[in-house]
Amino acid sequence: MAKKKSPLTLIIHAPGTEEGKSELARKTAEIHADAVLQTIRAFRGSSRQKEALLDAVIEATLLQTADS
C-alpha cells in the first residue's frame, strides 16, 4: 500500500515596501521568462518554428503590456 503524502503548506509574506514589491515583480518575471525559454528549447520543432514561437510570445507580452 502506498504511503499517503502530506499536503504542502506554503506561507508567503508579501513585501511591504515599494522596493520589495519591485524586486518581487522583477524576480517573478525572470522566473517566468526562464520557464518560457526552457519550454521552447524542449519543443521538438525546427529552429524556425522555435523562433516563430518565441516571436509570438514576445508579441503577446508586448500587446498585454500595452493594454495594461
Foldseek 3Di string as FASTA:
>chain_A
DDDDDDDDDDDDDQDDDPVSNVVVVVVVVVVVVVVLVVVLVPDPDDPVVSVVVVVVVVVVVVVVVVVD
